[in-house]
Amino acid sequence: MLARMIDHSVLKPETTAQDIAAGVDVLRAWNVAYYCVQPCWVALAAASLAGTGATVISVVGFPHGCDTADTKARATGQAIADGAREIDTVMHFGALIGGESAKAFDDVTAVVRAAQGIPVKVILETAALTDAQKRLACRIAVDAGAAFVKTSTGFHPAGGATAADVALMRTEVGSGVGVKASGGIRTLADARAMIEAGASRIGASATATILSALD
């Protein structure tokens, strides 16, 4: 069921409490399984969805990935205390691009350790990377213990998810790690293309539009 594969995302910096409430309504109306919000809204989202079985997700180091590893780790702990049950962290892809693989690995590892078993998704920002860098980023995320790799924040000017990148990521991580396609997925056709390419999770803000197009 597609609704159970979607992380409904309300992540714009201008988001209000009313916007969070509207997102909760989307989850309830469409039986969506996951709600991805900024750290400042985790407690409200978790309280609003209590008893529904929906999972609240927080982003860390979002959208640029430029916080220190210690800052990301502390933010992870706070998000979990507030009710997040998954963490989407942005890799230090400046370190990745600059050839500092160990620093990128340590960055992800700090979040995974702070999460203490809660699934961590690592955002690669694939539109800003070469294919070789995407493959390396996938290997770093897997070696660091991430549960998922994720294409994009949805905020980078270079673009969001593509089916080709999802397929590359799926090939690199194998069947044991999740692949989340996120960024620019606005239609049912978009979502289906990502799933066909190997995505096991879809990040979208256009959730109602996508699900209303189902037969």
N, C-alpha and C. Protein backbone atom coordinates (compact mmCIF):
# COMPACT_ATOMS: atom_id res chain seq x y z
N MET A 1 0.85 -1.19 0.00
CA MET A 1 0.00 0.00 0.00
C MET A 1 0.88 1.24 0.00
N LEU A 2 0.69 2.10 -0.99
CA LEU A 2 1.58 3.24 -1.18
C LEU A 2 1.61 4.17 0.03
N ALA A 3 0.47 4.38 0.65
CA ALA A 3 0.42 5.30 1.79
C ALA A 3 1.35 4.88 2.91
N ARG A 4 1.60 3.58 3.02
CA ARG A 4 2.47 3.07 4.09
C ARG A 4 3.94 3.17 3.73
N MET A 5 4.24 3.65 2.51
CA MET A 5 5.62 3.84 2.07
C MET A 5 6.02 5.31 2.05
N ILE A 6 5.08 6.20 2.37
CA ILE A 6 5.34 7.63 2.22
C ILE A 6 5.72 8.27 3.54
N ASP A 7 6.80 9.06 3.50
CA ASP A 7 7.14 9.98 4.58
C ASP A 7 6.54 11.33 4.18
N HIS A 8 5.38 11.66 4.73
CA HIS A 8 4.79 12.97 4.43
C HIS A 8 5.66 14.04 5.07
N SER A 9 6.11 14.99 4.27
CA SER A 9 7.13 15.94 4.72
C SER A 9 6.60 17.36 4.78
N VAL A 10 6.75 17.99 5.94
CA VAL A 10 6.43 19.41 6.12
C VAL A 10 7.68 20.05 6.70
N LEU A 11 8.52 20.60 5.82
CA LEU A 11 9.88 20.97 6.21
C LEU A 11 10.28 22.41 5.87
N LYS A 12 9.37 23.18 5.29
CA LYS A 12 9.74 24.55 4.94
C LYS A 12 10.04 25.36 6.19
N PRO A 13 10.99 26.28 6.11
CA PRO A 13 11.35 27.05 7.30
C PRO A 13 10.22 27.94 7.81
N GLU A 14 9.28 28.29 6.94
CA GLU A 14 8.17 29.14 7.35
C GLU A 14 6.98 28.36 7.91
N THR A 15 7.15 27.06 8.10
CA THR A 15 6.08 26.23 8.64
C THR A 15 5.59 26.75 9.99
N THR A 16 4.26 26.73 10.16
CA THR A 16 3.63 27.15 11.40
C THR A 16 3.00 25.95 12.10
N ALA A 17 2.53 26.18 13.31
CA ALA A 17 1.81 25.12 14.02
C ALA A 17 0.58 24.69 13.24
N GLN A 18 -0.04 25.63 12.56
CA GLN A 18 -1.22 25.30 11.75
C GLN A 18 -0.84 24.40 10.58
N ASP A 19 0.35 24.62 10.02
CA ASP A 19 0.82 23.75 8.94
C ASP A 19 1.10 22.33 9.45
N ILE A 20 1.63 22.24 10.65
CA ILE A 20 1.87 20.92 11.24
C ILE A 20 0.54 20.20 11.46
N ALA A 21 -0.46 20.94 11.94
CA ALA A 21 -1.78 20.35 12.14
C ALA A 21 -2.39 19.89 10.82
N ALA A 22 -2.18 20.65 9.76
CA ALA A 22 -2.68 20.26 8.44
C ALA A 22 -2.00 18.99 7.97
N GLY A 23 -0.72 18.86 8.25
CA GLY A 23 0.00 17.63 7.90
C GLY A 23 -0.53 16.43 8.66
N VAL A 24 -0.84 16.62 9.93
CA VAL A 24 -1.44 15.55 10.73
C VAL A 24 -2.76 15.11 10.10
N ASP A 25 -3.53 16.08 9.62
CA ASP A 25 -4.81 15.74 8.97
C ASP A 25 -4.58 14.88 7.74
N VAL A 26 -3.51 15.16 6.99
CA VAL A 26 -3.19 14.35 5.81
C VAL A 26 -2.89 12.92 6.23
N LEU A 27 -2.08 12.76 7.26
CA LEU A 27 -1.75 11.41 7.72
C LEU A 27 -3.00 10.65 8.15
N ARG A 28 -3.87 11.31 8.88
CA ARG A 28 -5.08 10.66 9.36
C ARG A 28 -6.02 10.32 8.20
N ALA A 29 -6.17 11.24 7.27
CA ALA A 29 -7.12 11.04 6.17
C ALA A 29 -6.69 9.93 5.23
N TRP A 30 -5.38 9.79 5.02
CA TRP A 30 -4.89 8.86 4.02
C TRP A 30 -4.18 7.66 4.63
N ASN A 31 -4.17 7.54 5.95
CA ASN A 31 -3.51 6.42 6.63
C ASN A 31 -2.03 6.35 6.27
N VAL A 32 -1.40 7.50 6.24
CA VAL A 32 0.03 7.59 5.92
C VAL A 32 0.84 7.16 7.15
N ALA A 33 1.93 6.47 6.90
CA ALA A 33 2.66 5.83 8.00
C ALA A 33 3.69 6.73 8.68
N TYR A 34 4.21 7.75 7.97
CA TYR A 34 5.35 8.49 8.48
C TYR A 34 5.15 10.00 8.28
N TYR A 35 5.63 10.78 9.25
CA TYR A 35 5.51 12.24 9.20
C TYR A 35 6.87 12.83 9.50
N CYS A 36 7.46 13.53 8.53
CA CYS A 36 8.81 14.09 8.64
C CYS A 36 8.71 15.60 8.85
N VAL A 37 9.23 16.07 10.00
CA VAL A 37 9.13 17.48 10.35
C VAL A 37 10.46 17.99 10.88
N GLN A 38 10.59 19.31 10.92
CA GLN A 38 11.78 19.92 11.49
C GLN A 38 11.83 19.66 13.00
N PRO A 39 13.03 19.71 13.60
CA PRO A 39 13.17 19.39 15.02
C PRO A 39 12.25 20.19 15.95
N CYS A 40 12.02 21.44 15.63
CA CYS A 40 11.20 22.28 16.52
C CYS A 40 9.74 21.85 16.57
N TRP A 41 9.32 20.98 15.63
CA TRP A 41 7.93 20.55 15.56
C TRP A 41 7.74 19.09 15.94
N VAL A 42 8.80 18.41 16.34
CA VAL A 42 8.68 16.98 16.64
C VAL A 42 7.71 16.72 17.78
N ALA A 43 7.85 17.44 18.88
CA ALA A 43 7.00 17.19 20.05
C ALA A 43 5.52 17.41 19.70
N LEU A 44 5.22 18.46 18.96
CA LEU A 44 3.83 18.73 18.57
C LEU A 44 3.31 17.64 17.65
N ALA A 45 4.11 17.24 16.67
CA ALA A 45 3.68 16.19 15.74
C ALA A 45 3.45 14.88 16.48
N ALA A 46 4.36 14.54 17.39
CA ALA A 46 4.23 13.28 18.12
C ALA A 46 2.98 13.29 19.00
N ALA A 47 2.72 14.39 19.67
CA ALA A 47 1.53 14.48 20.51
C ALA A 47 0.26 14.41 19.68
N SER A 48 0.29 15.05 18.52
CA SER A 48 -0.90 15.10 17.66
C SER A 48 -1.22 13.76 17.03
N LEU A 49 -0.21 12.91 16.89
CA LEU A 49 -0.40 11.60 16.25
C LEU A 49 -0.43 10.45 17.25
N ALA A 50 -0.43 10.77 18.53
CA ALA A 50 -0.46 9.72 19.55
C ALA A 50 -1.66 8.80 19.35
N GLY A 51 -1.39 7.51 19.37
CA GLY A 51 -2.45 6.52 19.22
C GLY A 51 -2.77 6.13 17.80
N THR A 52 -2.14 6.79 16.81
CA THR A 52 -2.44 6.48 15.41
C THR A 52 -1.53 5.39 14.85
N GLY A 53 -0.39 5.15 15.48
CA GLY A 53 0.59 4.22 14.93
C GLY A 53 1.54 4.86 13.94
N ALA A 54 1.34 6.14 13.62
CA ALA A 54 2.23 6.83 12.69
C ALA A 54 3.56 7.13 13.37
N THR A 55 4.62 7.14 12.58
CA THR A 55 5.97 7.39 13.06
C THR A 55 6.39 8.80 12.72
N VAL A 56 6.89 9.53 13.72
CA VAL A 56 7.41 10.87 13.49
C VAL A 56 8.90 10.79 13.21
N ILE A 57 9.32 11.52 12.20
CA ILE A 57 10.72 11.57 11.77
C ILE A 57 11.23 12.99 11.96
N SER A 58 12.46 13.12 12.44
CA SER A 58 13.09 14.44 12.51
C SER A 58 14.29 14.48 11.57
N VAL A 59 14.56 15.67 11.05
CA VAL A 59 15.75 15.89 10.24
C VAL A 59 16.86 16.46 11.12
N VAL A 60 18.10 16.13 10.77
CA VAL A 60 19.27 16.57 11.53
C VAL A 60 20.30 17.12 10.55
N GLY A 61 20.88 18.27 10.89
CA GLY A 61 21.84 18.90 9.99
C GLY A 61 21.20 19.34 8.69
N PHE A 62 19.96 19.73 8.77
CA PHE A 62 19.14 19.95 7.57
C PHE A 62 19.00 21.43 7.28
N PRO A 63 19.12 21.86 6.01
CA PRO A 63 19.29 21.04 4.81
C PRO A 63 20.72 20.93 4.28
N HIS A 64 21.68 21.55 4.95
CA HIS A 64 23.01 21.65 4.34
C HIS A 64 24.01 20.61 4.81
N GLY A 65 23.79 19.99 5.96
CA GLY A 65 24.72 19.00 6.46
C GLY A 65 25.97 19.56 7.08
N CYS A 66 25.98 20.86 7.35
CA CYS A 66 27.22 21.52 7.75
C CYS A 66 27.42 21.67 9.25
N ASP A 67 26.48 21.17 10.05
CA ASP A 67 26.70 21.16 11.50
C ASP A 67 27.82 20.18 11.84
N THR A 68 28.47 20.39 12.97
CA THR A 68 29.49 19.45 13.40
C THR A 68 28.84 18.11 13.77
N ALA A 69 29.65 17.08 13.80
CA ALA A 69 29.15 15.75 14.17
C ALA A 69 28.57 15.76 15.57
N ASP A 70 29.22 16.48 16.50
CA ASP A 70 28.71 16.55 17.87
C ASP A 70 27.36 17.26 17.92
N THR A 71 27.21 18.31 17.14
CA THR A 71 25.93 19.02 17.10
C THR A 71 24.84 18.12 16.56
N LYS A 72 25.16 17.37 15.50
CA LYS A 72 24.18 16.45 14.93
C LYS A 72 23.80 15.37 15.94
N ALA A 73 24.77 14.89 16.68
CA ALA A 73 24.50 13.86 17.68
C ALA A 73 23.58 14.40 18.78
N ARG A 74 23.85 15.61 19.25
CA ARG A 74 23.00 16.20 20.28
C ARG A 74 21.59 16.45 19.75
N ALA A 75 21.50 16.91 18.53
CA ALA A 75 20.19 17.15 17.92
C ALA A 75 19.42 15.84 17.77
N THR A 76 20.12 14.77 17.48
CA THR A 76 19.49 13.46 17.37
C THR A 76 18.89 13.04 18.71
N GLY A 77 19.67 13.19 19.77
CA GLY A 77 19.19 12.84 21.10
C GLY A 77 17.97 13.66 21.50
N GLN A 78 17.99 14.95 21.19
CA GLN A 78 16.85 15.80 21.53
C GLN A 78 15.61 15.41 20.74
N ALA A 79 15.79 15.12 19.46
CA ALA A 79 14.65 14.73 18.62
C ALA A 79 14.01 13.45 19.13
N ILE A 80 14.83 12.50 19.54
CA ILE A 80 14.30 11.24 20.07
C ILE A 80 13.56 11.50 21.38
N ALA A 81 14.13 12.34 22.23
CA ALA A 81 13.46 12.67 23.49
C ALA A 81 12.11 13.33 23.24
N ASP A 82 12.00 14.07 22.14
CA ASP A 82 10.76 14.76 21.80
C ASP A 82 9.73 13.86 21.12
N GLY A 83 10.16 12.66 20.71
CA GLY A 83 9.21 11.72 20.12
C GLY A 83 9.54 11.22 18.73
N ALA A 84 10.67 11.63 18.15
CA ALA A 84 11.06 11.11 16.83
C ALA A 84 11.45 9.65 16.95
N ARG A 85 11.06 8.86 15.95
CA ARG A 85 11.40 7.44 15.94
C ARG A 85 12.15 7.04 14.67
N GLU A 86 12.51 8.01 13.86
CA GLU A 86 13.47 7.87 12.77
C GLU A 86 14.18 9.21 12.64
N ILE A 87 15.41 9.15 12.14
CA ILE A 87 16.22 10.35 11.95
C ILE A 87 16.72 10.39 10.51
N ASP A 88 16.50 11.52 9.84
CA ASP A 88 17.06 11.76 8.51
C ASP A 88 18.18 12.79 8.65
N THR A 89 19.41 12.37 8.48
CA THR A 89 20.55 13.26 8.65
C THR A 89 21.23 13.55 7.32
N VAL A 90 21.65 14.78 7.13
CA VAL A 90 22.36 15.16 5.90
C VAL A 90 23.84 14.89 6.08
N MET A 91 24.39 14.07 5.20
CA MET A 91 25.82 13.77 5.24
C MET A 91 26.64 15.05 5.06
N HIS A 92 27.79 15.08 5.67
CA HIS A 92 28.77 16.15 5.43
C HIS A 92 29.35 15.92 4.04
N PHE A 93 28.55 16.32 3.01
CA PHE A 93 29.00 15.95 1.67
C PHE A 93 30.11 16.87 1.16
N GLY A 94 30.39 17.96 1.85
CA GLY A 94 31.59 18.73 1.54
C GLY A 94 32.84 17.91 1.83
N ALA A 95 32.79 17.16 2.94
CA ALA A 95 33.90 16.26 3.25
C ALA A 95 33.99 15.15 2.22
N LEU A 96 32.84 14.62 1.83
CA LEU A 96 32.82 13.57 0.81
C LEU A 96 33.45 14.06 -0.50
N ILE A 97 32.98 15.20 -0.97
CA ILE A 97 33.48 15.74 -2.24
C ILE A 97 34.96 16.11 -2.14
N GLY A 98 35.37 16.55 -0.95
CA GLY A 98 36.76 16.95 -0.75
C GLY A 98 37.72 15.80 -0.52
N GLY A 99 37.21 14.58 -0.58
CA GLY A 99 38.08 13.43 -0.41
C GLY A 99 38.34 13.04 1.04
N GLU A 100 37.57 13.62 1.97
CA GLU A 100 37.75 13.30 3.39
C GLU A 100 36.71 12.26 3.81
N SER A 101 36.86 11.07 3.29
CA SER A 101 35.89 10.01 3.54
C SER A 101 35.77 9.67 5.02
N ALA A 102 36.88 9.70 5.73
CA ALA A 102 36.85 9.37 7.16
C ALA A 102 36.01 10.38 7.92
N LYS A 103 36.11 11.65 7.55
CA LYS A 103 35.30 12.67 8.22
C LYS A 103 33.82 12.46 7.91
N ALA A 104 33.49 12.13 6.68
CA ALA A 104 32.10 11.85 6.32
C ALA A 104 31.58 10.63 7.08
N PHE A 105 32.42 9.61 7.22
CA PHE A 105 32.04 8.42 7.98
C PHE A 105 31.80 8.76 9.45
N ASP A 106 32.69 9.52 10.05
CA ASP A 106 32.54 9.90 11.45
C ASP A 106 31.28 10.72 11.66
N ASP A 107 30.94 11.54 10.69
CA ASP A 107 29.74 12.37 10.76
C ASP A 107 28.49 11.50 10.86
N VAL A 108 28.40 10.49 10.01
CA VAL A 108 27.24 9.59 10.03
C VAL A 108 27.26 8.73 11.29
N THR A 109 28.42 8.23 11.65
CA THR A 109 28.54 7.36 12.81
C THR A 109 28.07 8.06 14.09
N ALA A 110 28.37 9.35 14.22
CA ALA A 110 27.95 10.09 15.41
C ALA A 110 26.43 10.09 15.55
N VAL A 111 25.73 10.23 14.44
CA VAL A 111 24.27 10.23 14.47
C VAL A 111 23.74 8.83 14.76
N VAL A 112 24.30 7.83 14.11
CA VAL A 112 23.85 6.45 14.32
C VAL A 112 24.02 6.05 15.79
N ARG A 113 25.15 6.40 16.38
CA ARG A 113 25.38 6.06 17.78
C ARG A 113 24.39 6.79 18.68
N ALA A 114 24.15 8.07 18.40
CA ALA A 114 23.22 8.85 19.22
C ALA A 114 21.80 8.34 19.09
N ALA A 115 21.48 7.76 17.95
CA ALA A 115 20.13 7.25 17.71
C ALA A 115 19.83 5.99 18.49
N GLN A 116 20.85 5.27 18.92
CA GLN A 116 20.71 4.09 19.78
C GLN A 116 19.69 3.08 19.25
N GLY A 117 19.85 2.74 17.99
CA GLY A 117 19.01 1.71 17.40
C GLY A 117 17.82 2.23 16.62
N ILE A 118 17.49 3.50 16.77
CA ILE A 118 16.43 4.08 15.96
C ILE A 118 16.95 4.25 14.53
N PRO A 119 16.15 3.89 13.52
CA PRO A 119 16.66 3.94 12.14
C PRO A 119 17.13 5.33 11.72
N VAL A 120 18.29 5.36 11.08
CA VAL A 120 18.87 6.60 10.56
C VAL A 120 18.92 6.52 9.04
N LYS A 121 18.40 7.56 8.38
CA LYS A 121 18.52 7.69 6.94
C LYS A 121 19.56 8.76 6.64
N VAL A 122 20.44 8.48 5.71
CA VAL A 122 21.52 9.41 5.38
C VAL A 122 21.21 10.06 4.03
N ILE A 123 21.05 11.37 4.07
CA ILE A 123 20.73 12.14 2.85
C ILE A 123 22.04 12.46 2.13
N LEU A 124 22.11 12.05 0.87
CA LEU A 124 23.34 12.19 0.10
C LEU A 124 23.39 13.46 -0.75
N GLU A 125 22.25 14.05 -1.06
CA GLU A 125 22.13 15.17 -1.99
C GLU A 125 22.75 14.78 -3.34
N THR A 126 22.14 13.77 -3.94
CA THR A 126 22.71 13.13 -5.12
C THR A 126 22.88 14.07 -6.32
N ALA A 127 22.03 15.08 -6.45
CA ALA A 127 22.14 15.97 -7.60
C ALA A 127 23.44 16.76 -7.59
N ALA A 128 24.08 16.85 -6.44
CA ALA A 128 25.33 17.59 -6.33
C ALA A 128 26.57 16.70 -6.41
N LEU A 129 26.36 15.39 -6.67
CA LEU A 129 27.46 14.43 -6.66
C LEU A 129 27.65 13.76 -8.01
N THR A 130 28.86 13.31 -8.27
CA THR A 130 29.11 12.43 -9.41
C THR A 130 28.64 11.02 -9.05
N ASP A 131 28.52 10.17 -10.05
CA ASP A 131 28.12 8.79 -9.76
C ASP A 131 29.10 8.10 -8.83
N ALA A 132 30.39 8.35 -9.03
CA ALA A 132 31.39 7.74 -8.15
C ALA A 132 31.22 8.23 -6.72
N GLN A 133 30.91 9.50 -6.54
CA GLN A 133 30.69 10.04 -5.20
C GLN A 133 29.41 9.48 -4.58
N LYS A 134 28.39 9.28 -5.38
CA LYS A 134 27.15 8.67 -4.87
C LYS A 134 27.42 7.26 -4.35
N ARG A 135 28.18 6.50 -5.12
CA ARG A 135 28.50 5.13 -4.70
C ARG A 135 29.32 5.13 -3.40
N LEU A 136 30.29 6.03 -3.33
CA LEU A 136 31.11 6.12 -2.13
C LEU A 136 30.26 6.55 -0.94
N ALA A 137 29.37 7.50 -1.14
CA ALA A 137 28.50 7.96 -0.06
C ALA A 137 27.61 6.83 0.44
N CYS A 138 27.12 6.02 -0.46
CA CYS A 138 26.32 4.85 -0.07
C CYS A 138 27.14 3.89 0.79
N ARG A 139 28.35 3.63 0.38
CA ARG A 139 29.20 2.69 1.13
C ARG A 139 29.51 3.25 2.51
N ILE A 140 29.77 4.55 2.59
CA ILE A 140 30.05 5.17 3.89
C ILE A 140 28.83 5.04 4.80
N ALA A 141 27.65 5.33 4.27
CA ALA A 141 26.43 5.27 5.08
C ALA A 141 26.19 3.85 5.60
N VAL A 142 26.35 2.88 4.72
CA VAL A 142 26.13 1.49 5.12
C VAL A 142 27.16 1.06 6.16
N ASP A 143 28.42 1.39 5.93
CA ASP A 143 29.49 1.01 6.86
C ASP A 143 29.29 1.66 8.23
N ALA A 144 28.66 2.84 8.25
CA ALA A 144 28.42 3.55 9.50
C ALA A 144 27.19 3.05 10.24
N GLY A 145 26.43 2.16 9.61
CA GLY A 145 25.29 1.56 10.28
C GLY A 145 23.95 2.19 9.97
N ALA A 146 23.89 2.98 8.91
CA ALA A 146 22.62 3.59 8.54
C ALA A 146 21.62 2.54 8.06
N ALA A 147 20.34 2.80 8.30
CA ALA A 147 19.28 1.90 7.86
C ALA A 147 18.81 2.20 6.45
N PHE A 148 19.01 3.46 6.01
CA PHE A 148 18.57 3.92 4.70
C PHE A 148 19.61 4.88 4.12
N VAL A 149 19.63 4.96 2.82
CA VAL A 149 20.22 6.11 2.13
C VAL A 149 19.09 6.86 1.45
N LYS A 150 19.23 8.15 1.34
CA LYS A 150 18.15 9.01 0.84
C LYS A 150 18.72 9.95 -0.20
N THR A 151 17.98 10.20 -1.25
CA THR A 151 18.52 10.98 -2.37
C THR A 151 18.82 12.41 -2.02
N SER A 152 17.84 13.12 -1.44
CA SER A 152 17.90 14.57 -1.46
C SER A 152 17.16 15.20 -0.29
N THR A 153 17.50 16.45 -0.01
CA THR A 153 16.73 17.24 0.96
C THR A 153 15.47 17.83 0.32
N GLY A 154 15.53 18.05 -0.99
CA GLY A 154 14.46 18.77 -1.66
C GLY A 154 14.69 20.26 -1.70
N PHE A 155 15.81 20.71 -1.11
CA PHE A 155 16.09 22.15 -1.03
C PHE A 155 17.32 22.57 -1.82
N HIS A 156 18.05 21.62 -2.41
CA HIS A 156 19.28 21.97 -3.13
C HIS A 156 18.93 22.47 -4.54
N PRO A 157 19.57 23.55 -4.98
CA PRO A 157 19.24 24.09 -6.30
C PRO A 157 19.59 23.16 -7.46
N ALA A 158 20.46 22.18 -7.22
CA ALA A 158 20.83 21.25 -8.30
C ALA A 158 19.71 20.27 -8.64
N GLY A 159 18.75 20.09 -7.74
CA GLY A 159 17.63 19.20 -8.05
C GLY A 159 17.40 18.16 -6.98
N GLY A 160 16.42 17.29 -7.25
CA GLY A 160 16.01 16.28 -6.27
C GLY A 160 16.25 14.87 -6.77
N ALA A 161 15.28 14.01 -6.48
CA ALA A 161 15.42 12.59 -6.80
C ALA A 161 15.25 12.32 -8.29
N THR A 162 15.98 11.32 -8.78
CA THR A 162 15.77 10.78 -10.12
C THR A 162 15.72 9.26 -10.01
N ALA A 163 15.00 8.64 -10.93
CA ALA A 163 14.94 7.18 -10.94
C ALA A 163 16.33 6.58 -11.15
N ALA A 164 17.15 7.24 -11.95
CA ALA A 164 18.50 6.73 -12.20
C ALA A 164 19.33 6.71 -10.93
N ASP A 165 19.21 7.75 -10.12
CA ASP A 165 19.95 7.78 -8.86
C ASP A 165 19.43 6.74 -7.88
N VAL A 166 18.13 6.57 -7.83
CA VAL A 166 17.56 5.54 -6.96
C VAL A 166 18.08 4.16 -7.36
N ALA A 167 18.10 3.89 -8.65
CA ALA A 167 18.59 2.59 -9.13
C ALA A 167 20.06 2.40 -8.77
N LEU A 168 20.85 3.45 -8.94
CA LEU A 168 22.28 3.37 -8.58
C LEU A 168 22.43 3.08 -7.09
N MET A 169 21.67 3.78 -6.27
CA MET A 169 21.77 3.59 -4.82
C MET A 169 21.34 2.19 -4.42
N ARG A 170 20.25 1.71 -5.03
CA ARG A 170 19.78 0.36 -4.71
C ARG A 170 20.83 -0.68 -5.07
N THR A 171 21.47 -0.52 -6.23
CA THR A 171 22.52 -1.44 -6.63
C THR A 171 23.67 -1.42 -5.64
N GLU A 172 24.01 -0.23 -5.17
CA GLU A 172 25.18 -0.08 -4.29
C GLU A 172 24.91 -0.64 -2.89
N VAL A 173 23.71 -0.42 -2.34
CA VAL A 173 23.46 -0.85 -0.95
C VAL A 173 22.90 -2.25 -0.85
N GLY A 174 22.42 -2.81 -1.96
CA GLY A 174 21.84 -4.13 -1.93
C GLY A 174 20.45 -4.14 -1.33
N SER A 175 19.96 -5.31 -0.98
CA SER A 175 18.58 -5.45 -0.53
C SER A 175 18.40 -5.22 0.96
N GLY A 176 19.49 -5.17 1.70
CA GLY A 176 19.37 -5.10 3.15
C GLY A 176 19.26 -3.70 3.73
N VAL A 177 19.39 -2.69 2.89
CA VAL A 177 19.34 -1.29 3.33
C VAL A 177 18.25 -0.59 2.54
N GLY A 178 17.50 0.29 3.20
CA GLY A 178 16.44 1.01 2.52
C GLY A 178 16.97 2.12 1.62
N VAL A 179 16.17 2.46 0.62
CA VAL A 179 16.47 3.61 -0.24
C VAL A 179 15.24 4.52 -0.22
N LYS A 180 15.46 5.75 0.19
CA LYS A 180 14.37 6.73 0.22
C LYS A 180 14.57 7.73 -0.90
N ALA A 181 13.57 7.83 -1.76
CA ALA A 181 13.56 8.83 -2.83
C ALA A 181 12.82 10.06 -2.34
N SER A 182 13.46 11.21 -2.42
CA SER A 182 12.87 12.44 -1.90
C SER A 182 13.37 13.62 -2.71
N GLY A 183 12.48 14.58 -2.93
CA GLY A 183 12.86 15.78 -3.67
C GLY A 183 12.21 15.82 -5.04
N GLY A 184 11.14 16.60 -5.18
CA GLY A 184 10.49 16.76 -6.47
C GLY A 184 9.51 15.68 -6.85
N ILE A 185 9.10 14.84 -5.91
CA ILE A 185 8.14 13.77 -6.20
C ILE A 185 6.75 14.32 -5.95
N ARG A 186 6.05 14.64 -7.02
CA ARG A 186 4.79 15.39 -6.88
C ARG A 186 3.58 14.66 -7.45
N THR A 187 3.79 13.58 -8.19
CA THR A 187 2.68 12.88 -8.83
C THR A 187 2.76 11.38 -8.54
N LEU A 188 1.65 10.71 -8.80
CA LEU A 188 1.63 9.25 -8.65
C LEU A 188 2.64 8.60 -9.59
N ALA A 189 2.74 9.13 -10.80
CA ALA A 189 3.71 8.59 -11.76
C ALA A 189 5.13 8.74 -11.24
N ASP A 190 5.43 9.89 -10.63
CA ASP A 190 6.76 10.08 -10.03
C ASP A 190 7.04 9.02 -8.97
N ALA A 191 6.07 8.82 -8.08
CA ALA A 191 6.26 7.86 -6.99
C ALA A 191 6.46 6.45 -7.52
N ARG A 192 5.64 6.08 -8.49
CA ARG A 192 5.76 4.74 -9.05
C ARG A 192 7.09 4.53 -9.74
N ALA A 193 7.58 5.56 -10.42
CA ALA A 193 8.88 5.45 -11.10
C ALA A 193 10.00 5.21 -10.09
N MET A 194 9.92 5.88 -8.95
CA MET A 194 10.95 5.69 -7.92
C MET A 194 10.88 4.30 -7.32
N ILE A 195 9.68 3.81 -7.09
CA ILE A 195 9.52 2.46 -6.52
C ILE A 195 10.02 1.41 -7.50
N GLU A 196 9.69 1.59 -8.76
CA GLU A 196 10.17 0.65 -9.79
C GLU A 196 11.69 0.65 -9.88
N ALA A 197 12.30 1.79 -9.59
CA ALA A 197 13.77 1.89 -9.64
C ALA A 197 14.44 1.30 -8.42
N GLY A 198 13.65 1.03 -7.36
CA GLY A 198 14.22 0.40 -6.19
C GLY A 198 13.98 1.11 -4.87
N ALA A 199 13.20 2.19 -4.87
CA ALA A 199 12.93 2.91 -3.62
C ALA A 199 12.01 2.09 -2.72
N SER A 200 12.33 2.08 -1.43
CA SER A 200 11.48 1.43 -0.45
C SER A 200 10.72 2.44 0.40
N ARG A 201 11.04 3.70 0.22
CA ARG A 201 10.34 4.78 0.92
C ARG A 201 10.31 6.00 -0.01
N ILE A 202 9.22 6.76 0.09
CA ILE A 202 9.04 7.97 -0.71
C ILE A 202 8.88 9.15 0.24
N GLY A 203 9.67 10.20 0.04
CA GLY A 203 9.49 11.44 0.78
C GLY A 203 8.77 12.44 -0.10
N ALA A 204 7.66 12.97 0.41
CA ALA A 204 6.86 13.86 -0.43
C ALA A 204 6.05 14.82 0.43
N SER A 205 5.86 16.02 -0.10
CA SER A 205 4.93 16.97 0.52
C SER A 205 3.59 16.96 -0.20
N ALA A 206 3.58 16.43 -1.43
CA ALA A 206 2.36 16.38 -2.24
C ALA A 206 1.62 15.05 -2.00
N THR A 207 1.61 14.58 -0.79
CA THR A 207 1.08 13.26 -0.47
C THR A 207 -0.38 13.09 -0.87
N ALA A 208 -1.21 14.06 -0.54
CA ALA A 208 -2.63 13.96 -0.86
C ALA A 208 -2.85 13.90 -2.37
N THR A 209 -2.09 14.70 -3.11
CA THR A 209 -2.20 14.69 -4.57
C THR A 209 -1.82 13.33 -5.14
N ILE A 210 -0.72 12.77 -4.62
CA ILE A 210 -0.25 11.48 -5.08
C ILE A 210 -1.29 10.38 -4.80
N LEU A 211 -1.77 10.34 -3.58
CA LEU A 211 -2.66 9.25 -3.18
C LEU A 211 -4.05 9.40 -3.78
N SER A 212 -4.48 10.61 -4.03
CA SER A 212 -5.81 10.82 -4.62
C SER A 212 -5.85 10.36 -6.07
N ALA A 213 -4.68 10.17 -6.68
CA ALA A 213 -4.63 9.72 -8.08
C ALA A 213 -4.66 8.20 -8.22
N LEU A 214 -4.63 7.48 -7.09
CA LEU A 214 -4.71 6.02 -7.17
C LEU A 214 -6.04 5.58 -7.71
N ASP A 215 -6.01 4.49 -8.47
CA ASP A 215 -7.26 3.94 -9.05
C ASP A 215 -8.20 3.48 -7.94
